[in-house]
């Protein structure tokens, strides 16, 4: 699931204006390379629980399992 979207709908339903900040500046160089939207799509479709796994794994694991299934993503982290 995507807890961020669930929380957004709850707050919007309560009449709040919602601004979502999900990624910090350290992602900017990778996002700047994402001319086709493949990285943004991957980030948006990865389940929250998977990000918890990535937080405990090595860079090698993340490169293999997050970036590794698409050659365009792999090229971003060479």
C-alpha atoms as a PDB file:
ATOM      1  CA  UNK A   1       0.000   0.000   0.000  1.00  0.00           C
ATOM      2  CA  UNK A   2       0.866   3.651  -0.245  1.00  0.00           C
ATOM      3  CA  UNK A   3       0.369   5.192   3.167  1.00  0.00           C
ATOM      4  CA  UNK A   4       1.221   8.646   1.833  1.00  0.00           C
ATOM      5  CA  UNK A   5      -1.795   8.653  -0.511  1.00  0.00           C
ATOM      6  CA  UNK A   6      -4.046   7.282   2.246  1.00  0.00           C
ATOM      7  CA  UNK A   7      -2.970  10.013   4.653  1.00  0.00           C
ATOM      8  CA  UNK A   8      -3.309  12.652   1.952  1.00  0.00           C
ATOM      9  CA  UNK A   9      -6.943  11.672   1.310  1.00  0.00           C
ATOM     10  CA  UNK A  10      -7.718  11.716   5.025  1.00  0.00           C
ATOM     11  CA  UNK A  11      -6.302  15.207   5.482  1.00  0.00           C
ATOM     12  CA  UNK A  12      -7.855  16.541   2.252  1.00  0.00           C
ATOM     13  CA  UNK A  13     -11.187  15.074   3.356  1.00  0.00           C
ATOM     14  CA  UNK A  14     -10.833  17.030   6.593  1.00  0.00           C
ATOM     15  CA  UNK A  15     -10.373  20.233   4.577  1.00  0.00           C
ATOM     16  CA  UNK A  16      -6.603  20.551   4.859  1.00  0.00           C
ATOM     17  CA  UNK A  17      -4.333  21.673   2.033  1.00  0.00           C
ATOM     18  CA  UNK A  18      -1.735  18.936   1.591  1.00  0.00           C
ATOM     19  CA  UNK A  19       1.844  19.285   0.361  1.00  0.00           C
ATOM     20  CA  UNK A  20       3.721  15.995   0.014  1.00  0.00           C
ATOM     21  CA  UNK A  21       7.497  15.992   0.457  1.00  0.00           C
ATOM     22  CA  UNK A  22       8.787  12.496  -0.072  1.00  0.00           C
ATOM     23  CA  UNK A  23      12.369  12.687  -1.339  1.00  0.00           C
ATOM     24  CA  UNK A  24      15.212  14.865  -0.108  1.00  0.00           C
ATOM     25  CA  UNK A  25      17.870  16.653  -2.174  1.00  0.00           C
ATOM     26  CA  UNK A  26      20.152  13.646  -2.316  1.00  0.00           C
ATOM     27  CA  UNK A  27      17.814  12.249  -5.004  1.00  0.00           C
ATOM     28  CA  UNK A  28      18.120  15.366  -7.214  1.00  0.00           C
ATOM     29  CA  UNK A  29      21.053  14.121  -9.350  1.00  0.00           C
ATOM     30  CA  UNK A  30      19.258  10.845 -10.135  1.00  0.00           C
ATOM     31  CA  UNK A  31      15.928  12.550 -10.764  1.00  0.00           C
ATOM     32  CA  UNK A  32      17.667  15.003 -13.114  1.00  0.00           C
ATOM     33  CA  UNK A  33      18.802  12.023 -15.228  1.00  0.00           C
ATOM     34  CA  UNK A  34      15.234  10.688 -15.426  1.00  0.00           C
ATOM     35  CA  UNK A  35      14.219  12.154 -18.784  1.00  0.00           C
ATOM     36  CA  UNK A  36      11.540   9.498 -19.469  1.00  0.00           C
ATOM     37  CA  UNK A  37       9.959   9.217 -16.016  1.00  0.00           C
ATOM     38  CA  UNK A  38      11.120   5.622 -15.468  1.00  0.00           C
ATOM     39  CA  UNK A  39      12.654   6.394 -12.058  1.00  0.00           C
ATOM     40  CA  UNK A  40       9.654   8.416 -10.874  1.00  0.00           C
ATOM     41  CA  UNK A  41       7.357   5.590 -11.984  1.00  0.00           C
ATOM     42  CA  UNK A  42       9.490   3.019 -10.155  1.00  0.00           C
ATOM     43  CA  UNK A  43       9.449   5.148  -6.989  1.00  0.00           C
ATOM     44  CA  UNK A  44       5.684   5.637  -7.213  1.00  0.00           C
ATOM     45  CA  UNK A  45       4.889   1.968  -7.787  1.00  0.00           C
ATOM     46  CA  UNK A  46       7.231   0.426  -5.215  1.00  0.00           C
ATOM     47  CA  UNK A  47       5.259  -0.624  -2.109  1.00  0.00           C
ATOM     48  CA  UNK A  48       6.069   1.144   1.155  1.00  0.00           C
ATOM     49  CA  UNK A  49       7.134  -2.141   2.741  1.00  0.00           C
ATOM     50  CA  UNK A  50       9.769  -2.653   0.073  1.00  0.00           C
ATOM     51  CA  UNK A  51      11.339   0.710   0.934  1.00  0.00           C
ATOM     52  CA  UNK A  52      11.625  -0.518   4.523  1.00  0.00           C
ATOM     53  CA  UNK A  53      13.597  -3.494   3.225  1.00  0.00           C
ATOM     54  CA  UNK A  54      15.850  -1.226   1.145  1.00  0.00           C
ATOM     55  CA  UNK A  55      16.539   0.903   4.241  1.00  0.00           C
ATOM     56  CA  UNK A  56      18.176  -2.094   5.915  1.00  0.00           C
ATOM     57  CA  UNK A  57      20.070  -3.442   2.906  1.00  0.00           C
ATOM     58  CA  UNK A  58      23.358  -2.633   1.198  1.00  0.00           C
ATOM     59  CA  UNK A  59      23.840  -0.426  -1.837  1.00  0.00           C
ATOM     60  CA  UNK A  60      24.611  -3.536  -3.854  1.00  0.00           C
ATOM     61  CA  UNK A  61      21.256  -5.072  -2.882  1.00  0.00           C
ATOM     62  CA  UNK A  62      19.401  -1.869  -3.811  1.00  0.00           C
ATOM     63  CA  UNK A  63      21.198  -1.600  -7.162  1.00  0.00           C
ATOM     64  CA  UNK A  64      20.306  -5.218  -7.917  1.00  0.00           C
ATOM     65  CA  UNK A  65      16.699  -5.263  -6.686  1.00  0.00           C
ATOM     66  CA  UNK A  66      15.443  -1.706  -7.183  1.00  0.00           C
ATOM     67  CA  UNK A  67      17.454  -0.528 -10.187  1.00  0.00           C
ATOM     68  CA  UNK A  68      18.408  -3.918 -11.618  1.00  0.00           C
ATOM     69  CA  UNK A  69      15.189  -4.924 -13.355  1.00  0.00           C
ATOM     70  CA  UNK A  70      15.441  -2.246 -16.048  1.00  0.00           C
ATOM     71  CA  UNK A  71      18.590  -1.395 -18.029  1.00  0.00           C
ATOM     72  CA  UNK A  72      17.664   2.322 -18.076  1.00  0.00           C
ATOM     73  CA  UNK A  73      17.538   2.359 -14.269  1.00  0.00           C
ATOM     74  CA  UNK A  74      20.778   0.360 -13.999  1.00  0.00           C
ATOM     75  CA  UNK A  75      22.534   2.929 -16.185  1.00  0.00           C
ATOM     76  CA  UNK A  76      21.610   5.669 -13.694  1.00  0.00           C
ATOM     77  CA  UNK A  77      23.595   4.036 -10.887  1.00  0.00           C
ATOM     78  CA  UNK A  78      26.681   2.748 -12.698  1.00  0.00           C
END
